[in-house]
Every structure is written in C-alpha cells, then in structure tokens.
Amino acid sequence: MMHKYFDKNKKEMFPWIKDWNDPQDHLRNETNVKKLSQSEWFYFHPTAYNLLTIGGTCISLPMFGVVVGIGLYYKMMLLTIFGLVFCVFLGVDLFKKIKNYKYTKDMNFYDLWMREQ
C-alpha cells in the first residue's frame, strides 16, 4: 500500500531526483544530519529508519510493562495476562531486530518505499 502511494507521489515529493535507481548515498552517508532537511533525513538517512523500527518497540515494551504492573497492583488477571502477552511479543520482536541490526543498519525509507530496483 505504501509503495503504491509513493510510486504515484514520489516525483512531486523529490523533484530533484532524476534516477530512482540511485541509492542517494550522498544523503545516506551524511555525518552531519543537521545539514539535511526533515524530509531528507526521514526518507534517506538510516538513523530515521532505525529510530522508528527499533525505537517504537523500545517505547512500547515499558508501556505494556506498566499495564502489567497496574494489573498486578489491582489484582486484575485479565489485564495482567493481556499486558504480559504483548510484553512477550514485543520482547521477542526487539530481540529479532537487535539480532538483525547488522543487516538493516543501512536501510532507509527511500529504499523501502521509493527506490526502483
């Protein structure tokens, strides 16, 4: 679904790109991200991809831990089990993402959604 949207709108978003097969390494390898605009950073720099994929899981895990804590405090088994199921799921997901980080550390949203292979 996202790929279809970006296939349709990518030329309006980034009119300066002429070759959509190009990896855009000048943006991907930029060490000073302050030089990049917000959209350039989000779509082309690997830190944005890693921040959202790994960071989202890292934020969700303690949130569901709080749900488990509340469930235990008020002795609500259904809430505790619900929170534990999500904590286990998120913990496994985080472990997989950390394990596969060496393969995804250079990934970005441009490669995922817009780049023509």
N, C-alpha and C. Protein backbone atom coordinates (compact mmCIF):
# COMPACT_ATOMS: atom_id res chain seq x y z
N MET A 1 0.82 -1.19 0.00
CA MET A 1 0.00 0.00 0.00
C MET A 1 0.87 1.26 0.00
N MET A 2 1.87 1.30 0.85
CA MET A 2 2.74 2.47 0.91
C MET A 2 3.53 2.61 -0.38
N HIS A 3 3.94 1.48 -0.95
CA HIS A 3 4.74 1.52 -2.17
C HIS A 3 3.92 2.12 -3.32
N LYS A 4 2.63 1.80 -3.41
CA LYS A 4 1.78 2.37 -4.46
C LYS A 4 1.63 3.88 -4.28
N TYR A 5 1.46 4.31 -3.04
CA TYR A 5 1.34 5.74 -2.76
C TYR A 5 2.59 6.49 -3.19
N PHE A 6 3.75 5.96 -2.83
CA PHE A 6 4.99 6.65 -3.16
C PHE A 6 5.34 6.54 -4.63
N ASP A 7 4.95 5.45 -5.29
CA ASP A 7 5.14 5.39 -6.74
C ASP A 7 4.39 6.51 -7.44
N LYS A 8 3.24 6.82 -6.92
CA LYS A 8 2.40 7.87 -7.52
C LYS A 8 2.91 9.27 -7.18
N ASN A 9 3.41 9.49 -5.96
CA ASN A 9 3.71 10.84 -5.48
C ASN A 9 5.19 11.17 -5.30
N LYS A 10 6.08 10.24 -5.57
CA LYS A 10 7.49 10.50 -5.27
C LYS A 10 8.11 11.60 -6.12
N LYS A 11 7.67 11.76 -7.33
CA LYS A 11 8.23 12.81 -8.20
C LYS A 11 7.86 14.21 -7.72
N GLU A 12 6.70 14.34 -7.10
CA GLU A 12 6.30 15.63 -6.52
C GLU A 12 7.03 15.88 -5.20
N MET A 13 7.31 14.83 -4.47
CA MET A 13 7.98 14.98 -3.18
C MET A 13 9.44 15.36 -3.35
N PHE A 14 10.11 14.74 -4.30
CA PHE A 14 11.54 14.98 -4.53
C PHE A 14 11.77 15.21 -6.02
N PRO A 15 11.45 16.41 -6.52
CA PRO A 15 11.60 16.67 -7.95
C PRO A 15 13.05 16.70 -8.42
N TRP A 16 13.99 16.85 -7.52
CA TRP A 16 15.40 16.91 -7.89
C TRP A 16 15.99 15.54 -8.21
N ILE A 17 15.29 14.47 -7.86
CA ILE A 17 15.80 13.13 -8.17
C ILE A 17 15.41 12.77 -9.60
N LYS A 18 16.40 12.46 -10.40
CA LYS A 18 16.16 12.06 -11.79
C LYS A 18 16.27 10.55 -11.98
N ASP A 19 17.18 9.92 -11.23
CA ASP A 19 17.39 8.48 -11.34
C ASP A 19 16.91 7.81 -10.06
N TRP A 20 15.80 7.09 -10.13
CA TRP A 20 15.21 6.47 -8.95
C TRP A 20 15.87 5.14 -8.60
N ASN A 21 16.86 4.72 -9.37
CA ASN A 21 17.66 3.54 -9.03
C ASN A 21 18.87 3.91 -8.18
N ASP A 22 19.22 5.19 -8.18
CA ASP A 22 20.39 5.68 -7.45
C ASP A 22 20.15 5.52 -5.94
N PRO A 23 21.12 4.99 -5.19
CA PRO A 23 20.92 4.81 -3.75
C PRO A 23 20.95 6.10 -2.94
N GLN A 24 21.28 7.24 -3.56
CA GLN A 24 21.34 8.53 -2.86
C GLN A 24 22.31 8.46 -1.68
N ASP A 25 23.49 7.93 -1.95
CA ASP A 25 24.49 7.76 -0.89
C ASP A 25 25.00 9.07 -0.32
N HIS A 26 24.90 10.16 -1.06
CA HIS A 26 25.35 11.44 -0.51
C HIS A 26 24.46 11.88 0.66
N LEU A 27 23.20 11.43 0.69
CA LEU A 27 22.33 11.72 1.83
C LEU A 27 22.40 10.60 2.87
N ARG A 28 22.49 9.39 2.43
CA ARG A 28 22.55 8.24 3.33
C ARG A 28 23.79 8.28 4.23
N ASN A 29 24.91 8.72 3.68
CA ASN A 29 26.17 8.71 4.43
C ASN A 29 26.52 10.06 5.04
N GLU A 30 25.61 11.00 5.04
CA GLU A 30 25.86 12.32 5.63
C GLU A 30 26.09 12.16 7.14
N THR A 31 27.22 12.64 7.61
CA THR A 31 27.53 12.52 9.04
C THR A 31 26.91 13.64 9.87
N ASN A 32 26.70 14.79 9.28
CA ASN A 32 26.06 15.91 9.97
C ASN A 32 24.61 16.00 9.50
N VAL A 33 23.71 15.38 10.23
CA VAL A 33 22.31 15.34 9.81
C VAL A 33 21.63 16.70 9.92
N LYS A 34 22.26 17.65 10.57
CA LYS A 34 21.68 18.99 10.65
C LYS A 34 21.69 19.67 9.29
N LYS A 35 22.52 19.19 8.38
CA LYS A 35 22.55 19.74 7.02
C LYS A 35 21.35 19.28 6.19
N LEU A 36 20.70 18.21 6.61
CA LEU A 36 19.58 17.65 5.86
C LEU A 36 18.27 18.30 6.30
N SER A 37 17.36 18.43 5.35
CA SER A 37 16.02 18.88 5.72
C SER A 37 15.31 17.73 6.44
N GLN A 38 14.16 18.02 7.03
CA GLN A 38 13.45 17.00 7.78
C GLN A 38 13.04 15.84 6.88
N SER A 39 12.54 16.13 5.69
CA SER A 39 12.11 15.05 4.80
C SER A 39 13.30 14.29 4.25
N GLU A 40 14.41 14.96 3.98
CA GLU A 40 15.61 14.25 3.53
C GLU A 40 16.10 13.32 4.61
N TRP A 41 16.14 13.79 5.86
CA TRP A 41 16.58 12.93 6.95
C TRP A 41 15.64 11.73 7.10
N PHE A 42 14.33 11.98 7.08
CA PHE A 42 13.36 10.90 7.30
C PHE A 42 13.44 9.83 6.23
N TYR A 43 13.51 10.23 4.97
CA TYR A 43 13.45 9.25 3.89
C TYR A 43 14.81 8.66 3.50
N PHE A 44 15.89 9.41 3.66
CA PHE A 44 17.17 8.98 3.11
C PHE A 44 18.21 8.56 4.13
N HIS A 45 18.09 8.95 5.38
CA HIS A 45 19.13 8.64 6.36
C HIS A 45 18.74 7.40 7.17
N PRO A 46 19.66 6.47 7.37
CA PRO A 46 19.34 5.24 8.09
C PRO A 46 18.95 5.44 9.56
N THR A 47 19.36 6.54 10.17
CA THR A 47 19.00 6.75 11.57
C THR A 47 17.50 6.90 11.76
N ALA A 48 16.81 7.46 10.79
CA ALA A 48 15.36 7.61 10.91
C ALA A 48 14.68 6.24 10.87
N TYR A 49 15.11 5.38 9.97
CA TYR A 49 14.54 4.04 9.88
C TYR A 49 14.78 3.26 11.18
N ASN A 50 16.00 3.31 11.67
CA ASN A 50 16.31 2.58 12.91
C ASN A 50 15.61 3.17 14.12
N LEU A 51 15.48 4.49 14.15
CA LEU A 51 14.79 5.14 15.26
C LEU A 51 13.33 4.69 15.33
N LEU A 52 12.67 4.63 14.19
CA LEU A 52 11.26 4.25 14.20
C LEU A 52 11.05 2.76 14.37
N THR A 53 11.88 1.93 13.77
CA THR A 53 11.65 0.50 13.89
C THR A 53 12.08 -0.04 15.26
N ILE A 54 13.27 0.27 15.68
CA ILE A 54 13.75 -0.25 16.97
C ILE A 54 13.20 0.60 18.11
N GLY A 55 13.17 1.92 17.92
CA GLY A 55 12.69 2.81 18.97
C GLY A 55 11.23 2.61 19.31
N GLY A 56 10.41 2.32 18.31
CA GLY A 56 8.99 2.08 18.58
C GLY A 56 8.78 0.89 19.49
N THR A 57 9.54 -0.16 19.26
CA THR A 57 9.45 -1.34 20.11
C THR A 57 9.99 -1.04 21.51
N CYS A 58 11.08 -0.28 21.58
CA CYS A 58 11.67 0.06 22.88
C CYS A 58 10.74 0.93 23.72
N ILE A 59 9.92 1.73 23.09
CA ILE A 59 8.97 2.56 23.83
C ILE A 59 7.74 1.75 24.23
N SER A 60 7.30 0.86 23.34
CA SER A 60 6.09 0.07 23.62
C SER A 60 6.29 -0.94 24.74
N LEU A 61 7.47 -1.50 24.84
CA LEU A 61 7.74 -2.52 25.85
C LEU A 61 7.52 -2.00 27.28
N PRO A 62 8.09 -0.87 27.69
CA PRO A 62 7.81 -0.38 29.05
C PRO A 62 6.36 0.06 29.24
N MET A 63 5.73 0.53 28.17
CA MET A 63 4.32 0.92 28.31
C MET A 63 3.45 -0.28 28.67
N PHE A 64 3.67 -1.40 28.00
CA PHE A 64 2.91 -2.59 28.36
C PHE A 64 3.39 -3.17 29.69
N GLY A 65 4.63 -2.90 30.09
CA GLY A 65 5.10 -3.27 31.42
C GLY A 65 4.32 -2.54 32.50
N VAL A 66 3.99 -1.29 32.23
CA VAL A 66 3.15 -0.52 33.17
C VAL A 66 1.76 -1.13 33.26
N VAL A 67 1.23 -1.59 32.11
CA VAL A 67 -0.08 -2.25 32.12
C VAL A 67 -0.03 -3.50 32.99
N VAL A 68 1.05 -4.27 32.88
CA VAL A 68 1.22 -5.45 33.72
C VAL A 68 1.29 -5.05 35.19
N GLY A 69 2.04 -3.99 35.49
CA GLY A 69 2.15 -3.53 36.87
C GLY A 69 0.81 -3.08 37.44
N ILE A 70 0.04 -2.37 36.66
CA ILE A 70 -1.29 -1.94 37.11
C ILE A 70 -2.19 -3.15 37.34
N GLY A 71 -2.11 -4.09 36.40
CA GLY A 71 -2.91 -5.32 36.56
C GLY A 71 -2.55 -6.09 37.81
N LEU A 72 -1.26 -6.17 38.11
CA LEU A 72 -0.83 -6.87 39.33
C LEU A 72 -1.23 -6.10 40.59
N TYR A 73 -1.11 -4.78 40.53
CA TYR A 73 -1.43 -3.95 41.70
C TYR A 73 -2.91 -4.07 42.08
N TYR A 74 -3.78 -4.04 41.07
CA TYR A 74 -5.22 -4.11 41.33
C TYR A 74 -5.75 -5.54 41.24
N LYS A 75 -4.86 -6.52 41.12
CA LYS A 75 -5.22 -7.93 41.06
C LYS A 75 -6.23 -8.22 39.96
N MET A 76 -5.95 -7.65 38.79
CA MET A 76 -6.81 -7.86 37.61
C MET A 76 -6.07 -8.82 36.67
N MET A 77 -6.42 -10.09 36.74
CA MET A 77 -5.70 -11.10 35.98
C MET A 77 -5.82 -10.91 34.47
N LEU A 78 -6.97 -10.53 33.99
CA LEU A 78 -7.16 -10.36 32.55
C LEU A 78 -6.25 -9.25 32.01
N LEU A 79 -6.16 -8.15 32.73
CA LEU A 79 -5.29 -7.05 32.32
C LEU A 79 -3.81 -7.46 32.40
N THR A 80 -3.45 -8.21 33.42
CA THR A 80 -2.07 -8.67 33.57
C THR A 80 -1.69 -9.62 32.44
N ILE A 81 -2.56 -10.56 32.13
CA ILE A 81 -2.28 -11.51 31.05
C ILE A 81 -2.20 -10.79 29.71
N PHE A 82 -3.10 -9.85 29.48
CA PHE A 82 -3.09 -9.04 28.26
C PHE A 82 -1.75 -8.31 28.12
N GLY A 83 -1.31 -7.68 29.18
CA GLY A 83 -0.03 -6.96 29.16
C GLY A 83 1.15 -7.88 28.99
N LEU A 84 1.13 -9.02 29.64
CA LEU A 84 2.23 -9.98 29.52
C LEU A 84 2.35 -10.54 28.11
N VAL A 85 1.23 -10.81 27.48
CA VAL A 85 1.26 -11.32 26.10
C VAL A 85 1.94 -10.30 25.20
N PHE A 86 1.58 -9.04 25.32
CA PHE A 86 2.20 -8.01 24.49
C PHE A 86 3.66 -7.80 24.87
N CYS A 87 4.00 -7.90 26.14
CA CYS A 87 5.40 -7.76 26.56
C CYS A 87 6.26 -8.87 25.97
N VAL A 88 5.76 -10.08 25.98
CA VAL A 88 6.50 -11.20 25.40
C VAL A 88 6.65 -10.99 23.89
N PHE A 89 5.56 -10.63 23.22
CA PHE A 89 5.61 -10.38 21.78
C PHE A 89 6.62 -9.28 21.46
N LEU A 90 6.56 -8.18 22.18
CA LEU A 90 7.47 -7.05 21.93
C LEU A 90 8.91 -7.40 22.29
N GLY A 91 9.11 -8.19 23.34
CA GLY A 91 10.45 -8.60 23.71
C GLY A 91 11.09 -9.48 22.64
N VAL A 92 10.32 -10.41 22.10
CA VAL A 92 10.82 -11.26 21.01
C VAL A 92 11.11 -10.42 19.78
N ASP A 93 10.21 -9.49 19.48
CA ASP A 93 10.39 -8.61 18.32
C ASP A 93 11.65 -7.75 18.48
N LEU A 94 11.86 -7.21 19.67
CA LEU A 94 13.06 -6.40 19.92
C LEU A 94 14.32 -7.25 19.80
N PHE A 95 14.29 -8.46 20.31
CA PHE A 95 15.44 -9.36 20.19
C PHE A 95 15.76 -9.63 18.73
N LYS A 96 14.73 -9.89 17.91
CA LYS A 96 14.95 -10.14 16.49
C LYS A 96 15.52 -8.91 15.78
N LYS A 97 15.01 -7.74 16.13
CA LYS A 97 15.50 -6.51 15.49
C LYS A 97 16.96 -6.23 15.88
N ILE A 98 17.32 -6.47 17.11
CA ILE A 98 18.71 -6.27 17.53
C ILE A 98 19.61 -7.31 16.87
N LYS A 99 19.13 -8.54 16.79
CA LYS A 99 19.90 -9.60 16.15
C LYS A 99 20.14 -9.31 14.66
N ASN A 100 19.15 -8.74 13.98
CA ASN A 100 19.25 -8.46 12.55
C ASN A 100 19.74 -7.05 12.25
N TYR A 101 20.19 -6.32 13.24
CA TYR A 101 20.61 -4.94 13.04
C TYR A 101 21.76 -4.82 12.05
N LYS A 102 22.66 -5.79 12.04
CA LYS A 102 23.80 -5.71 11.12
C LYS A 102 23.33 -5.75 9.66
N TYR A 103 22.15 -6.31 9.41
CA TYR A 103 21.62 -6.36 8.05
C TYR A 103 20.78 -5.13 7.71
N THR A 104 20.20 -4.50 8.71
CA THR A 104 19.28 -3.38 8.47
C THR A 104 19.86 -2.02 8.83
N LYS A 105 21.12 -1.97 9.28
CA LYS A 105 21.67 -0.70 9.76
C LYS A 105 21.79 0.35 8.67
N ASP A 106 21.87 -0.04 7.41
CA ASP A 106 21.95 0.92 6.30
C ASP A 106 20.63 1.08 5.55
N MET A 107 19.57 0.50 6.06
CA MET A 107 18.26 0.59 5.41
C MET A 107 17.65 1.96 5.66
N ASN A 108 16.88 2.45 4.70
CA ASN A 108 16.15 3.70 4.89
C ASN A 108 14.80 3.61 4.19
N PHE A 109 13.95 4.58 4.43
CA PHE A 109 12.60 4.54 3.88
C PHE A 109 12.58 4.76 2.37
N TYR A 110 13.56 5.44 1.84
CA TYR A 110 13.68 5.60 0.39
C TYR A 110 13.87 4.24 -0.27
N ASP A 111 14.76 3.42 0.28
CA ASP A 111 14.96 2.07 -0.26
C ASP A 111 13.71 1.23 -0.14
N LEU A 112 13.01 1.38 0.95
CA LEU A 112 11.86 0.57 1.23
C LEU A 112 10.66 0.93 0.36
N TRP A 113 10.42 2.22 0.15
CA TRP A 113 9.18 2.65 -0.49
C TRP A 113 9.35 3.26 -1.89
N MET A 114 10.46 3.91 -2.18
CA MET A 114 10.55 4.70 -3.40
C MET A 114 11.56 4.22 -4.42
N ARG A 115 12.59 3.59 -3.99
CA ARG A 115 13.67 3.22 -4.91
C ARG A 115 13.22 2.14 -5.88
N GLU A 116 13.52 2.34 -7.15
CA GLU A 116 13.18 1.35 -8.16
C GLU A 116 14.34 0.39 -8.29
N GLN A 117 14.07 -0.86 -8.15
CA GLN A 117 15.13 -1.88 -8.16
C GLN A 117 15.24 -2.52 -9.54
